[in-house]
């Protein structure tokens, strides 16, 4: 996929991830330690927005499950709070169509869940 915002150098990248599943969070904590120098994990869109108001990460990773109320509105809030960040959506197979529609609204990439560790390293 082509990203709308170029990814930063991994050694200097700051990742902020909003993840619904503790299992996916554990996978990202293990994998992203090799990829991003600084990272923070939250479990809701509200927490994500709080973190965005305090700092500007390079990559924002969002579990689509947390956006089900209104994905476009959630994305607009995140984009408004962190306009320079690359936004990557994680989506289960049954959420993929809706998640891929967000690519036209400024999402850089969509990764299908469950992700493969190598795919995470290459795409995040």
N, C-alpha and C. Protein backbone atom coordinates (compact mmCIF):
# COMPACT_ATOMS: atom_id res chain seq x y z
N UNK A 1 0.83 -1.18 0.00
CA UNK A 1 0.00 0.00 0.00
C UNK A 1 0.88 1.24 0.00
N UNK A 2 0.42 2.24 -0.60
CA UNK A 2 1.14 3.49 -0.63
C UNK A 2 0.66 4.35 0.51
N UNK A 3 1.60 4.89 1.26
CA UNK A 3 1.20 5.70 2.40
C UNK A 3 1.08 7.16 1.99
N UNK A 4 0.13 7.87 2.60
CA UNK A 4 -0.06 9.27 2.29
C UNK A 4 0.98 10.13 2.99
N UNK A 5 1.53 9.63 4.08
CA UNK A 5 2.58 10.31 4.82
C UNK A 5 3.74 9.35 4.92
N UNK A 6 4.96 9.78 4.55
CA UNK A 6 6.09 8.85 4.63
C UNK A 6 6.37 8.45 6.07
N UNK A 7 6.72 7.20 6.24
CA UNK A 7 7.05 6.71 7.57
C UNK A 7 8.38 7.29 8.01
N UNK A 8 8.53 7.61 9.30
CA UNK A 8 9.79 8.13 9.80
C UNK A 8 10.83 7.04 9.89
N UNK A 9 12.07 7.43 10.08
CA UNK A 9 13.13 6.46 10.30
C UNK A 9 12.79 5.64 11.54
N UNK A 10 12.80 4.30 11.47
CA UNK A 10 12.39 3.48 12.60
C UNK A 10 13.16 3.75 13.88
N UNK A 11 14.43 4.06 13.79
CA UNK A 11 15.22 4.28 15.00
C UNK A 11 14.72 5.48 15.79
N UNK A 12 14.08 6.43 15.12
CA UNK A 12 13.60 7.64 15.78
C UNK A 12 12.09 7.70 15.91
N UNK A 13 11.39 6.68 15.44
CA UNK A 13 9.93 6.74 15.39
C UNK A 13 9.31 6.60 16.77
N UNK A 14 8.25 7.36 16.94
CA UNK A 14 7.44 7.25 18.16
C UNK A 14 6.09 6.69 17.75
N UNK A 15 5.71 5.58 18.40
CA UNK A 15 4.46 4.88 18.10
C UNK A 15 3.47 5.09 19.23
N UNK A 16 2.24 5.41 18.88
CA UNK A 16 1.14 5.46 19.83
C UNK A 16 0.09 4.51 19.31
N UNK A 17 -0.25 3.49 20.09
CA UNK A 17 -1.18 2.46 19.64
C UNK A 17 -2.38 2.35 20.56
N UNK A 18 -3.57 2.34 19.96
CA UNK A 18 -4.82 2.10 20.68
C UNK A 18 -5.29 0.71 20.29
N UNK A 19 -5.17 -0.22 21.21
CA UNK A 19 -5.44 -1.63 20.92
C UNK A 19 -6.48 -2.18 21.87
N UNK A 20 -7.47 -2.91 21.32
CA UNK A 20 -8.54 -3.47 22.12
C UNK A 20 -8.14 -4.79 22.79
N UNK A 21 -7.31 -5.56 22.11
CA UNK A 21 -6.98 -6.91 22.58
C UNK A 21 -5.66 -6.95 23.33
N UNK A 22 -5.65 -7.53 24.54
CA UNK A 22 -4.38 -7.70 25.26
C UNK A 22 -3.39 -8.58 24.50
N UNK A 23 -3.89 -9.53 23.73
CA UNK A 23 -3.01 -10.41 22.95
C UNK A 23 -2.31 -9.63 21.86
N UNK A 24 -3.05 -8.79 21.14
CA UNK A 24 -2.44 -7.97 20.09
C UNK A 24 -1.48 -6.96 20.71
N UNK A 25 -1.84 -6.42 21.85
CA UNK A 25 -0.93 -5.48 22.54
C UNK A 25 0.38 -6.16 22.88
N UNK A 26 0.33 -7.36 23.41
CA UNK A 26 1.56 -8.09 23.75
C UNK A 26 2.41 -8.33 22.51
N UNK A 27 1.78 -8.67 21.41
CA UNK A 27 2.51 -8.88 20.16
C UNK A 27 3.19 -7.59 19.72
N UNK A 28 2.49 -6.48 19.80
CA UNK A 28 3.08 -5.21 19.40
C UNK A 28 4.19 -4.77 20.35
N UNK A 29 4.01 -5.01 21.64
CA UNK A 29 5.07 -4.64 22.60
C UNK A 29 6.35 -5.39 22.27
N UNK A 30 6.24 -6.67 21.94
CA UNK A 30 7.42 -7.46 21.59
C UNK A 30 8.01 -7.01 20.26
N UNK A 31 7.19 -6.87 19.26
CA UNK A 31 7.66 -6.58 17.91
C UNK A 31 8.14 -5.14 17.75
N UNK A 32 7.39 -4.20 18.26
CA UNK A 32 7.71 -2.79 18.02
C UNK A 32 8.90 -2.31 18.84
N UNK A 33 9.31 -3.08 19.81
CA UNK A 33 10.52 -2.74 20.55
C UNK A 33 11.72 -2.71 19.64
N UNK A 34 11.70 -3.55 18.59
CA UNK A 34 12.79 -3.58 17.61
C UNK A 34 12.66 -2.48 16.57
N UNK A 35 11.48 -1.91 16.44
CA UNK A 35 11.20 -1.01 15.35
C UNK A 35 11.14 0.46 15.79
N UNK A 36 10.47 0.74 16.88
CA UNK A 36 10.25 2.11 17.33
C UNK A 36 11.00 2.38 18.63
N UNK A 37 11.64 3.52 18.70
CA UNK A 37 12.41 3.84 19.88
C UNK A 37 11.52 4.21 21.07
N UNK A 38 10.37 4.81 20.81
CA UNK A 38 9.44 5.18 21.88
C UNK A 38 8.06 4.71 21.50
N UNK A 39 7.34 4.19 22.48
CA UNK A 39 6.01 3.71 22.18
C UNK A 39 5.11 3.82 23.42
N UNK A 40 3.83 3.98 23.17
CA UNK A 40 2.83 4.04 24.24
C UNK A 40 1.62 3.27 23.76
N UNK A 41 0.97 2.57 24.67
CA UNK A 41 -0.20 1.77 24.35
C UNK A 41 -1.36 2.23 25.22
N UNK A 42 -2.52 2.40 24.58
CA UNK A 42 -3.74 2.79 25.28
C UNK A 42 -4.85 1.83 24.84
N UNK A 43 -6.00 1.90 25.51
CA UNK A 43 -7.06 0.95 25.20
C UNK A 43 -8.37 1.59 24.77
N UNK A 44 -8.34 2.88 24.44
CA UNK A 44 -9.57 3.53 23.96
C UNK A 44 -9.21 4.73 23.09
N UNK A 45 -10.17 5.18 22.31
CA UNK A 45 -9.99 6.37 21.49
C UNK A 45 -9.81 7.59 22.39
N UNK A 46 -10.55 7.65 23.50
CA UNK A 46 -10.43 8.78 24.42
C UNK A 46 -9.01 8.89 24.97
N UNK A 47 -8.43 7.77 25.39
CA UNK A 47 -7.05 7.77 25.87
C UNK A 47 -6.08 8.17 24.77
N UNK A 48 -6.35 7.69 23.56
CA UNK A 48 -5.52 8.04 22.41
C UNK A 48 -5.51 9.55 22.20
N UNK A 49 -6.67 10.16 22.26
CA UNK A 49 -6.77 11.61 22.06
C UNK A 49 -6.06 12.37 23.18
N UNK A 50 -6.12 11.86 24.41
CA UNK A 50 -5.39 12.48 25.52
C UNK A 50 -3.89 12.46 25.26
N UNK A 51 -3.38 11.31 24.82
CA UNK A 51 -1.95 11.19 24.51
C UNK A 51 -1.56 12.10 23.35
N UNK A 52 -2.41 12.21 22.35
CA UNK A 52 -2.11 13.07 21.21
C UNK A 52 -2.04 14.54 21.62
N UNK A 53 -2.84 14.93 22.61
CA UNK A 53 -2.79 16.32 23.07
C UNK A 53 -1.50 16.62 23.83
N UNK A 54 -0.87 15.57 24.37
CA UNK A 54 0.36 15.75 25.15
C UNK A 54 1.63 15.63 24.30
N UNK A 55 1.53 15.01 23.14
CA UNK A 55 2.70 14.82 22.30
C UNK A 55 2.30 14.45 20.89
N UNK A 56 3.24 14.48 20.00
CA UNK A 56 2.95 14.21 18.60
C UNK A 56 3.75 13.00 18.11
N UNK A 57 3.14 11.81 18.16
CA UNK A 57 3.84 10.61 17.68
C UNK A 57 3.97 10.62 16.16
N UNK A 58 4.89 9.81 15.67
CA UNK A 58 5.08 9.68 14.22
C UNK A 58 4.06 8.74 13.60
N UNK A 59 3.73 7.68 14.35
CA UNK A 59 2.80 6.65 13.87
C UNK A 59 1.71 6.44 14.90
N UNK A 60 0.46 6.45 14.46
CA UNK A 60 -0.68 6.15 15.32
C UNK A 60 -1.31 4.88 14.78
N UNK A 61 -1.34 3.88 15.61
CA UNK A 61 -1.89 2.58 15.26
C UNK A 61 -3.22 2.43 16.00
N UNK A 62 -4.30 2.14 15.26
CA UNK A 62 -5.63 2.08 15.88
C UNK A 62 -6.30 0.76 15.53
N UNK A 63 -6.76 0.06 16.54
CA UNK A 63 -7.55 -1.15 16.36
C UNK A 63 -8.95 -0.71 15.91
N UNK A 64 -9.37 -1.16 14.73
CA UNK A 64 -10.66 -0.76 14.18
C UNK A 64 -11.80 -1.05 15.14
N UNK A 65 -11.66 -2.08 15.94
CA UNK A 65 -12.70 -2.44 16.92
C UNK A 65 -13.03 -1.26 17.83
N UNK A 66 -12.06 -0.41 18.11
CA UNK A 66 -12.29 0.76 18.96
C UNK A 66 -13.00 1.89 18.22
N UNK A 67 -13.11 1.78 16.91
CA UNK A 67 -13.70 2.84 16.09
C UNK A 67 -15.11 2.51 15.62
N UNK A 68 -15.71 1.44 16.10
CA UNK A 68 -16.96 0.96 15.54
C UNK A 68 -18.15 1.90 15.75
N UNK A 69 -18.10 2.77 16.73
CA UNK A 69 -19.21 3.71 16.94
C UNK A 69 -19.40 4.55 15.69
N UNK A 70 -18.35 5.21 15.23
CA UNK A 70 -18.38 6.01 14.02
C UNK A 70 -16.94 6.16 13.53
N UNK A 71 -16.49 5.24 12.67
CA UNK A 71 -15.09 5.24 12.25
C UNK A 71 -14.63 6.57 11.63
N UNK A 72 -15.46 7.19 10.80
CA UNK A 72 -15.06 8.44 10.17
C UNK A 72 -14.89 9.55 11.20
N UNK A 73 -15.77 9.61 12.18
CA UNK A 73 -15.68 10.62 13.23
C UNK A 73 -14.46 10.37 14.10
N UNK A 74 -14.22 9.11 14.46
CA UNK A 74 -13.03 8.77 15.25
C UNK A 74 -11.77 9.17 14.51
N UNK A 75 -11.72 8.86 13.23
CA UNK A 75 -10.55 9.22 12.42
C UNK A 75 -10.37 10.74 12.35
N UNK A 76 -11.46 11.47 12.18
CA UNK A 76 -11.37 12.93 12.13
C UNK A 76 -10.84 13.50 13.44
N UNK A 77 -11.26 12.93 14.57
CA UNK A 77 -10.76 13.39 15.87
C UNK A 77 -9.27 13.11 16.00
N UNK A 78 -8.85 11.92 15.60
CA UNK A 78 -7.43 11.56 15.68
C UNK A 78 -6.62 12.44 14.74
N UNK A 79 -7.10 12.62 13.52
CA UNK A 79 -6.39 13.45 12.54
C UNK A 79 -6.30 14.88 13.04
N UNK A 80 -7.35 15.39 13.67
CA UNK A 80 -7.33 16.75 14.20
C UNK A 80 -6.33 16.93 15.33
N UNK A 81 -6.17 15.89 16.14
CA UNK A 81 -5.25 15.97 17.27
C UNK A 81 -3.81 15.66 16.88
N UNK A 82 -3.62 14.89 15.84
CA UNK A 82 -2.27 14.51 15.41
C UNK A 82 -2.15 14.56 13.90
N UNK A 83 -2.22 15.76 13.31
CA UNK A 83 -2.32 15.87 11.85
C UNK A 83 -1.11 15.37 11.07
N UNK A 84 0.04 15.31 11.67
CA UNK A 84 1.25 14.90 10.95
C UNK A 84 1.53 13.40 11.03
N UNK A 85 0.87 12.71 11.92
CA UNK A 85 1.15 11.29 12.15
C UNK A 85 0.65 10.41 11.00
N UNK A 86 1.39 9.35 10.73
CA UNK A 86 0.90 8.30 9.83
C UNK A 86 -0.08 7.46 10.64
N UNK A 87 -1.27 7.24 10.11
CA UNK A 87 -2.28 6.46 10.82
C UNK A 87 -2.41 5.11 10.15
N UNK A 88 -2.28 4.06 10.97
CA UNK A 88 -2.39 2.68 10.50
C UNK A 88 -3.54 2.04 11.27
N UNK A 89 -4.43 1.37 10.55
CA UNK A 89 -5.59 0.72 11.15
C UNK A 89 -5.35 -0.79 11.16
N UNK A 90 -5.68 -1.43 12.29
CA UNK A 90 -5.68 -2.88 12.41
C UNK A 90 -7.12 -3.35 12.30
N UNK A 91 -7.38 -4.32 11.43
CA UNK A 91 -8.77 -4.74 11.23
C UNK A 91 -8.87 -6.25 11.11
N UNK A 92 -9.90 -6.81 11.73
CA UNK A 92 -10.22 -8.22 11.55
C UNK A 92 -10.82 -8.39 10.16
N UNK A 93 -10.87 -9.62 9.68
CA UNK A 93 -11.37 -9.90 8.33
C UNK A 93 -12.76 -9.30 8.11
N UNK A 94 -13.65 -9.43 9.08
CA UNK A 94 -15.01 -8.93 8.90
C UNK A 94 -15.10 -7.40 8.96
N UNK A 95 -14.02 -6.73 9.37
CA UNK A 95 -14.00 -5.27 9.44
C UNK A 95 -13.22 -4.64 8.26
N UNK A 96 -12.57 -5.48 7.48
CA UNK A 96 -11.65 -5.00 6.46
C UNK A 96 -12.27 -4.03 5.46
N UNK A 97 -13.45 -4.34 4.94
CA UNK A 97 -14.08 -3.46 3.95
C UNK A 97 -14.26 -2.05 4.51
N UNK A 98 -14.78 -1.96 5.72
CA UNK A 98 -14.99 -0.65 6.34
C UNK A 98 -13.66 0.04 6.62
N UNK A 99 -12.68 -0.72 7.07
CA UNK A 99 -11.36 -0.14 7.37
C UNK A 99 -10.69 0.37 6.10
N UNK A 100 -10.77 -0.39 5.02
CA UNK A 100 -10.13 0.03 3.77
C UNK A 100 -10.77 1.30 3.20
N UNK A 101 -12.04 1.54 3.49
CA UNK A 101 -12.69 2.76 3.04
C UNK A 101 -12.05 4.00 3.67
N UNK A 102 -11.41 3.82 4.83
CA UNK A 102 -10.78 4.95 5.51
C UNK A 102 -9.48 5.39 4.83
N UNK A 103 -8.96 4.57 3.91
CA UNK A 103 -7.74 4.96 3.19
C UNK A 103 -7.94 6.27 2.43
N UNK A 104 -9.15 6.51 1.96
CA UNK A 104 -9.42 7.76 1.23
C UNK A 104 -9.55 8.95 2.18
N UNK A 105 -9.59 8.70 3.48
CA UNK A 105 -9.70 9.77 4.48
C UNK A 105 -8.39 10.03 5.21
N UNK A 106 -7.28 9.58 4.64
CA UNK A 106 -5.99 9.91 5.25
C UNK A 106 -5.32 8.80 6.02
N UNK A 107 -5.89 7.60 6.05
CA UNK A 107 -5.22 6.47 6.69
C UNK A 107 -4.09 6.02 5.78
N UNK A 108 -2.92 5.75 6.37
CA UNK A 108 -1.74 5.36 5.59
C UNK A 108 -1.75 3.90 5.18
N UNK A 109 -2.31 3.05 6.06
CA UNK A 109 -2.26 1.61 5.78
C UNK A 109 -3.30 0.90 6.63
N UNK A 110 -3.68 -0.29 6.20
CA UNK A 110 -4.56 -1.18 6.96
C UNK A 110 -3.85 -2.52 7.06
N UNK A 111 -3.74 -3.03 8.28
CA UNK A 111 -3.11 -4.33 8.53
C UNK A 111 -4.19 -5.27 9.05
N UNK A 112 -4.29 -6.43 8.44
CA UNK A 112 -5.29 -7.41 8.87
C UNK A 112 -4.85 -8.12 10.14
N UNK A 113 -5.82 -8.36 11.01
CA UNK A 113 -5.57 -9.11 12.25
C UNK A 113 -5.94 -10.57 12.02
N UNK A 114 -5.26 -11.50 12.62
CA UNK A 114 -4.06 -11.29 13.43
C UNK A 114 -2.85 -11.06 12.52
N UNK A 115 -2.00 -10.12 12.89
CA UNK A 115 -0.86 -9.82 12.05
C UNK A 115 0.28 -10.82 12.26
N UNK A 116 1.05 -11.01 11.24
CA UNK A 116 2.25 -11.83 11.34
C UNK A 116 3.37 -10.92 11.84
N UNK A 117 4.24 -11.43 12.69
CA UNK A 117 5.31 -10.60 13.28
C UNK A 117 6.17 -9.93 12.22
N UNK A 118 6.53 -10.63 11.16
CA UNK A 118 7.36 -10.05 10.12
C UNK A 118 6.61 -8.92 9.41
N UNK A 119 5.31 -9.12 9.17
CA UNK A 119 4.52 -8.08 8.53
C UNK A 119 4.52 -6.82 9.39
N UNK A 120 4.41 -6.98 10.72
CA UNK A 120 4.44 -5.83 11.60
C UNK A 120 5.74 -5.06 11.48
N UNK A 121 6.85 -5.79 11.48
CA UNK A 121 8.14 -5.13 11.39
C UNK A 121 8.30 -4.39 10.06
N UNK A 122 7.79 -4.97 8.99
CA UNK A 122 7.94 -4.35 7.69
C UNK A 122 7.00 -3.17 7.47
N UNK A 123 5.79 -3.25 8.04
CA UNK A 123 4.78 -2.24 7.74
C UNK A 123 4.65 -1.16 8.79
N UNK A 124 5.10 -1.41 10.02
CA UNK A 124 5.05 -0.38 11.06
C UNK A 124 6.43 0.14 11.23
